[in-house]
Amino acid sequence: MAIATGKALSRLISYRQCLRNQVSSKPYLRRDKGCKSAFGKAAHRWNSTTIADVMPKPLVVLLNGSSESASVWRPPLLLPYGIDLEEDSVSSVDEAIEKIHNHYSSGDNFVGGMGESDLGVILAAPSSDILDLSESAISLMEQVKAERHGVPFYLATTGIPGDAVDWETWGGSGGKLVEAWLVSLYAASPPYYKAETGGDASPAAFGQVCQFLIEAAEHGMAVEATVAPSRAAAGRELALSLGARQVHTQTK
């Protein structure tokens, strides 16, 4: 596996920043095309796994909130950058904010003068889904950004809400706070989705995930999808057609 050092790492950081800043007016198009043209063949060598080897990983914050939809079936989250969910969950918004501030105050997490190497914060909910904790998630992001306005937040979701998604909330003040949604798509068809998620998925589950990707893109939200390695090609094609700006490959 290639490891970037010196100028190579600098170019990788710049490439990642290009991906972050390049906002497409047509979200179904490949968002990384212009960046790969600008940064040459080196850009093609890096994926979410190799980036994890040469750059600090995003901070993962697990919000432990109660929800009536906790009984709804959901698959494990697929996260990019070689991340697992072994982090301890936090019991309150205040505890989560403290964890984020401590992370950025540490000398081990230097993100550059303009935040160019900051992979940000991933918010997830281990006992339900971040979709069900909109009030807590938005409050957390607002308070952190009041002091650290450049922190990018990514919301990891299964794409399976307990109730109808409150797009008025997420697309309003919440939408301005979120860098991107990270959606666990897994595969490109219901049978493969069921196989990759453990075999317990309902017939409607895959359709819910696809519908979430479509609705998020239609509401102007930046969306990224994660698919299983064995379903990478077809999964990527589907995710891009549904509105994802970028697609990651990751194992559970």
Protein backbone atom coordinates (compact mmCIF):
# COMPACT_ATOMS: atom_id res chain seq x y z
CA MET A 1 0.00 0.00 0.00
CA ALA A 2 1.38 3.40 -0.98
CA ILE A 3 2.29 5.82 1.77
CA ALA A 4 2.48 9.54 1.03
CA THR A 5 5.23 11.70 2.48
CA GLY A 6 6.39 15.27 1.93
CA LYS A 7 5.12 16.76 -1.32
CA ALA A 8 2.96 13.72 -2.02
CA LEU A 9 1.10 14.21 1.25
CA SER A 10 0.72 17.91 0.52
CA ARG A 11 -0.83 17.10 -2.86
CA LEU A 12 -3.14 14.56 -1.24
CA ILE A 13 -4.33 17.13 1.29
CA SER A 14 -4.91 19.61 -1.53
CA TYR A 15 -6.81 16.98 -3.49
CA ARG A 16 -9.06 16.25 -0.54
CA GLN A 17 -9.65 19.98 -0.11
CA CYS A 18 -10.57 20.22 -3.78
CA LEU A 19 -13.16 17.47 -3.30
CA ARG A 20 -14.58 19.32 -0.33
CA ASN A 21 -14.85 22.69 -2.07
CA GLN A 22 -16.01 21.57 -5.50
CA VAL A 23 -19.77 21.89 -5.20
CA SER A 24 -21.52 20.58 -8.29
CA SER A 25 -24.77 22.08 -9.54
CA LYS A 26 -25.58 18.58 -10.79
CA PRO A 27 -25.06 16.26 -7.80
CA TYR A 28 -25.54 13.15 -9.90
CA LEU A 29 -22.29 13.88 -11.75
CA ARG A 30 -18.97 12.57 -10.43
CA ARG A 31 -17.79 15.30 -8.11
CA ASP A 32 -14.13 14.27 -8.20
CA LYS A 33 -13.62 14.55 -11.96
CA GLY A 34 -12.27 18.12 -11.93
CA CYS A 35 -10.03 17.41 -8.95
CA LYS A 36 -8.48 14.36 -10.58
CA SER A 37 -7.78 16.42 -13.70
CA ALA A 38 -6.13 19.12 -11.61
CA PHE A 39 -4.00 16.82 -9.46
CA GLY A 40 -3.07 14.23 -12.06
CA LYS A 41 -2.55 10.49 -11.79
CA ALA A 42 -1.57 10.71 -8.12
CA ALA A 43 -5.21 11.38 -7.24
CA HIS A 44 -6.25 8.00 -8.64
CA ARG A 45 -4.00 6.15 -6.17
CA TRP A 46 -5.91 7.32 -3.12
CA ASN A 47 -9.13 5.98 -1.76
CA SER A 48 -10.81 6.27 1.64
CA THR A 49 -8.64 3.46 3.05
CA THR A 50 -5.21 4.74 1.95
CA ILE A 51 -6.10 8.26 3.03
CA ALA A 52 -6.60 6.89 6.54
CA ASP A 53 -2.99 5.66 6.57
CA VAL A 54 -1.42 9.06 5.92
CA MET A 55 -3.82 11.56 7.49
CA PRO A 56 -5.57 11.91 10.85
CA LYS A 57 -8.90 10.12 10.85
CA PRO A 58 -12.09 12.09 11.44
CA LEU A 59 -13.21 12.23 15.02
CA VAL A 60 -16.18 9.92 15.56
CA VAL A 61 -18.78 11.07 18.08
CA LEU A 62 -21.53 8.61 18.96
CA LEU A 63 -24.64 10.28 20.34
CA ASN A 64 -26.50 8.05 22.75
CA GLY A 65 -30.05 9.33 22.54
CA SER A 66 -33.34 7.54 23.17
CA SER A 67 -35.82 7.26 20.35
CA GLU A 68 -39.16 5.56 19.79
CA SER A 69 -37.77 4.27 16.50
CA ALA A 70 -34.91 2.39 18.18
CA SER A 71 -36.81 -0.83 17.49
CA VAL A 72 -36.76 -0.22 13.73
CA TRP A 73 -34.42 -2.63 11.94
CA ARG A 74 -31.26 -0.99 10.68
CA PRO A 75 -27.98 -2.44 9.40
CA PRO A 76 -24.56 -1.65 10.88
CA LEU A 77 -23.12 1.61 9.60
CA LEU A 78 -20.47 1.52 6.90
CA LEU A 79 -17.99 4.34 7.41
CA PRO A 80 -15.16 5.54 5.14
CA TYR A 81 -11.51 6.10 6.08
CA GLY A 82 -11.13 2.67 7.70
CA ILE A 83 -13.24 3.73 10.68
CA ASP A 84 -15.08 1.37 12.98
CA LEU A 85 -17.57 2.17 15.73
CA GLU A 86 -15.60 1.08 18.76
CA GLU A 87 -15.68 4.59 20.21
CA ASP A 88 -17.51 5.07 23.51
CA SER A 89 -20.83 6.86 23.12
CA VAL A 90 -21.51 10.17 24.87
CA SER A 91 -24.59 10.65 27.01
CA SER A 92 -25.22 14.35 26.37
CA VAL A 93 -24.64 17.17 23.91
CA ASP A 94 -22.37 18.90 26.41
CA GLU A 95 -20.20 15.78 26.71
CA ALA A 96 -19.98 15.55 22.93
CA ILE A 97 -18.95 19.20 22.63
CA GLU A 98 -16.25 18.71 25.25
CA LYS A 99 -14.92 15.69 23.33
CA ILE A 100 -14.74 17.71 20.11
CA HIS A 101 -12.98 20.65 21.75
CA ASN A 102 -10.48 18.32 23.41
CA HIS A 103 -9.77 16.69 20.06
CA TYR A 104 -9.00 19.98 18.33
CA SER A 105 -7.03 21.31 21.29
CA SER A 106 -4.65 18.37 21.17
CA GLY A 107 -1.28 18.92 19.52
CA ASP A 108 -1.70 15.55 17.79
CA ASN A 109 -4.58 16.86 15.70
CA PHE A 110 -3.09 19.85 13.87
CA VAL A 111 -5.32 20.64 10.89
CA GLY A 112 -3.30 23.34 9.14
CA GLY A 113 -3.62 27.10 9.21
CA MET A 114 -6.78 27.05 7.06
CA GLY A 115 -8.04 23.64 8.17
CA GLU A 116 -6.83 22.08 4.93
CA SER A 117 -6.04 18.72 6.52
CA ASP A 118 -9.08 18.57 8.79
CA LEU A 119 -11.17 15.47 8.08
CA GLY A 120 -13.75 16.77 10.51
CA VAL A 121 -16.23 15.12 12.85
CA ILE A 122 -18.52 12.21 12.07
CA LEU A 123 -21.71 12.12 14.12
CA ALA A 124 -23.54 8.81 14.48
CA ALA A 125 -26.09 7.24 16.81
CA PRO A 126 -25.33 3.65 17.87
CA SER A 127 -28.71 2.85 19.42
CA SER A 128 -30.92 4.38 16.72
CA ASP A 129 -29.96 6.67 13.81
CA ILE A 130 -28.74 10.25 13.64
CA LEU A 131 -31.90 10.99 11.63
CA ASP A 132 -33.91 10.46 14.82
CA LEU A 133 -31.76 12.87 16.85
CA SER A 134 -32.06 16.03 14.78
CA GLU A 135 -32.53 18.35 17.76
CA SER A 136 -29.43 17.08 19.58
CA ALA A 137 -27.28 16.92 16.45
CA ILE A 138 -28.16 20.43 15.28
CA SER A 139 -27.68 21.89 18.77
CA LEU A 140 -24.26 20.23 19.00
CA MET A 141 -23.12 21.52 15.60
CA GLU A 142 -24.37 25.05 16.28
CA GLN A 143 -22.52 25.27 19.59
CA VAL A 144 -19.26 23.89 18.21
CA LYS A 145 -19.33 26.13 15.15
CA ALA A 146 -19.93 29.18 17.34
CA GLU A 147 -16.32 28.73 18.51
CA ARG A 148 -14.82 26.63 15.72
CA HIS A 149 -16.73 27.67 12.62
CA GLY A 150 -14.48 25.74 10.23
CA VAL A 151 -15.15 22.27 11.66
CA PRO A 152 -16.79 20.09 8.97
CA PHE A 153 -19.51 17.78 10.26
CA TYR A 154 -20.50 14.53 8.55
CA LEU A 155 -23.66 12.71 9.61
CA ALA A 156 -23.50 8.92 9.30
CA THR A 157 -26.85 7.32 8.62
CA THR A 158 -28.33 4.03 7.49
CA GLY A 159 -30.77 6.03 5.38
CA ILE A 160 -33.63 4.31 7.21
CA PRO A 161 -35.52 6.86 9.31
CA GLY A 162 -37.90 5.84 12.05
CA ASP A 163 -40.41 8.43 10.82
CA ALA A 164 -40.62 10.71 7.81
CA VAL A 165 -37.43 12.77 7.50
CA ASP A 166 -37.93 16.34 8.67
CA TRP A 167 -36.36 18.01 5.64
CA GLU A 168 -37.58 21.42 6.78
CA THR A 169 -35.30 21.09 9.78
CA TRP A 170 -32.36 19.36 8.09
CA GLY A 171 -32.57 21.53 5.00
CA GLY A 172 -32.86 24.76 7.00
CA SER A 173 -30.40 25.66 9.73
CA GLY A 174 -29.25 22.04 9.89
CA GLY A 175 -28.35 21.95 6.21
CA LYS A 176 -25.93 24.84 6.59
CA LEU A 177 -24.08 22.99 9.33
CA VAL A 178 -23.62 19.64 7.60
CA GLU A 179 -20.66 19.07 5.28
CA ALA A 180 -22.19 15.83 3.97
CA TRP A 181 -24.36 12.87 4.84
CA LEU A 182 -22.57 9.51 4.86
CA VAL A 183 -25.14 6.92 3.77
CA SER A 184 -24.63 3.17 4.16
CA LEU A 185 -25.86 1.97 0.76
CA TYR A 186 -24.02 -1.39 0.81
CA ALA A 187 -25.07 -2.65 -2.64
CA ALA A 188 -27.05 -1.95 -5.81
CA SER A 189 -30.02 -4.29 -5.44
CA PRO A 190 -32.36 -5.58 -2.69
CA PRO A 191 -30.99 -9.18 -2.68
CA TYR A 192 -27.35 -8.04 -2.41
CA TYR A 193 -28.28 -5.42 0.18
CA LYS A 194 -29.95 -8.11 2.27
CA ALA A 195 -26.94 -10.43 1.92
CA GLU A 196 -24.41 -7.73 2.85
CA THR A 197 -26.38 -6.51 5.87
CA GLY A 198 -26.77 -9.93 7.47
CA GLY A 199 -29.93 -11.26 5.88
CA ASP A 200 -32.45 -9.53 8.15
CA ALA A 201 -33.37 -6.60 5.92
CA SER A 202 -37.04 -6.16 5.10
CA PRO A 203 -38.04 -6.01 1.42
CA ALA A 204 -38.62 -2.26 1.77
CA ALA A 205 -35.33 -1.40 3.49
CA PHE A 206 -33.19 -1.02 0.35
CA GLY A 207 -35.84 1.18 -1.24
CA GLN A 208 -35.84 3.41 1.84
CA VAL A 209 -32.10 3.94 1.57
CA CYS A 210 -32.31 4.80 -2.12
CA GLN A 211 -35.21 7.15 -1.46
CA PHE A 212 -33.22 8.91 1.25
CA LEU A 213 -30.33 9.52 -1.16
CA ILE A 214 -32.70 10.97 -3.75
CA GLU A 215 -34.57 13.21 -1.30
CA ALA A 216 -31.40 14.48 0.36
CA ALA A 217 -29.92 15.48 -3.01
CA GLU A 218 -33.20 17.09 -4.08
CA HIS A 219 -33.19 19.17 -0.89
CA GLY A 220 -29.71 20.45 -1.68
CA MET A 221 -27.86 18.28 0.81
CA ALA A 222 -24.40 16.95 0.02
CA VAL A 223 -24.51 13.16 0.10
CA GLU A 224 -21.76 10.53 0.07
CA ALA A 225 -22.42 6.78 0.01
CA THR A 226 -20.48 3.81 1.30
CA VAL A 227 -20.71 0.39 -0.36
CA ALA A 228 -19.34 -3.06 0.40
CA PRO A 229 -16.14 -3.99 -1.50
CA SER A 230 -17.77 -6.94 -3.28
CA ARG A 231 -20.48 -4.61 -4.62
CA ALA A 232 -18.25 -1.62 -5.35
CA ALA A 233 -18.73 -1.15 -9.11
CA ALA A 234 -22.50 -1.50 -9.26
CA GLY A 235 -22.93 0.24 -5.90
CA ARG A 236 -20.91 3.23 -7.04
CA GLU A 237 -22.88 3.54 -10.27
CA LEU A 238 -26.19 3.42 -8.42
CA ALA A 239 -25.11 5.88 -5.71
CA LEU A 240 -23.97 8.47 -8.26
CA SER A 241 -27.22 8.11 -10.20
CA LEU A 242 -29.20 8.70 -7.00
CA GLY A 243 -27.37 11.94 -6.21
CA ALA A 244 -24.25 10.99 -4.24
CA ARG A 245 -21.31 13.30 -4.85
CA GLN A 246 -18.75 10.70 -3.78
CA VAL A 247 -18.72 6.97 -3.08
CA HIS A 248 -16.55 5.12 -0.56
CA THR A 249 -15.82 1.43 -0.23
CA GLN A 250 -15.56 -0.03 3.22
CA THR A 251 -16.10 -3.25 5.15
CA LYS A 252 -18.22 -3.57 8.28
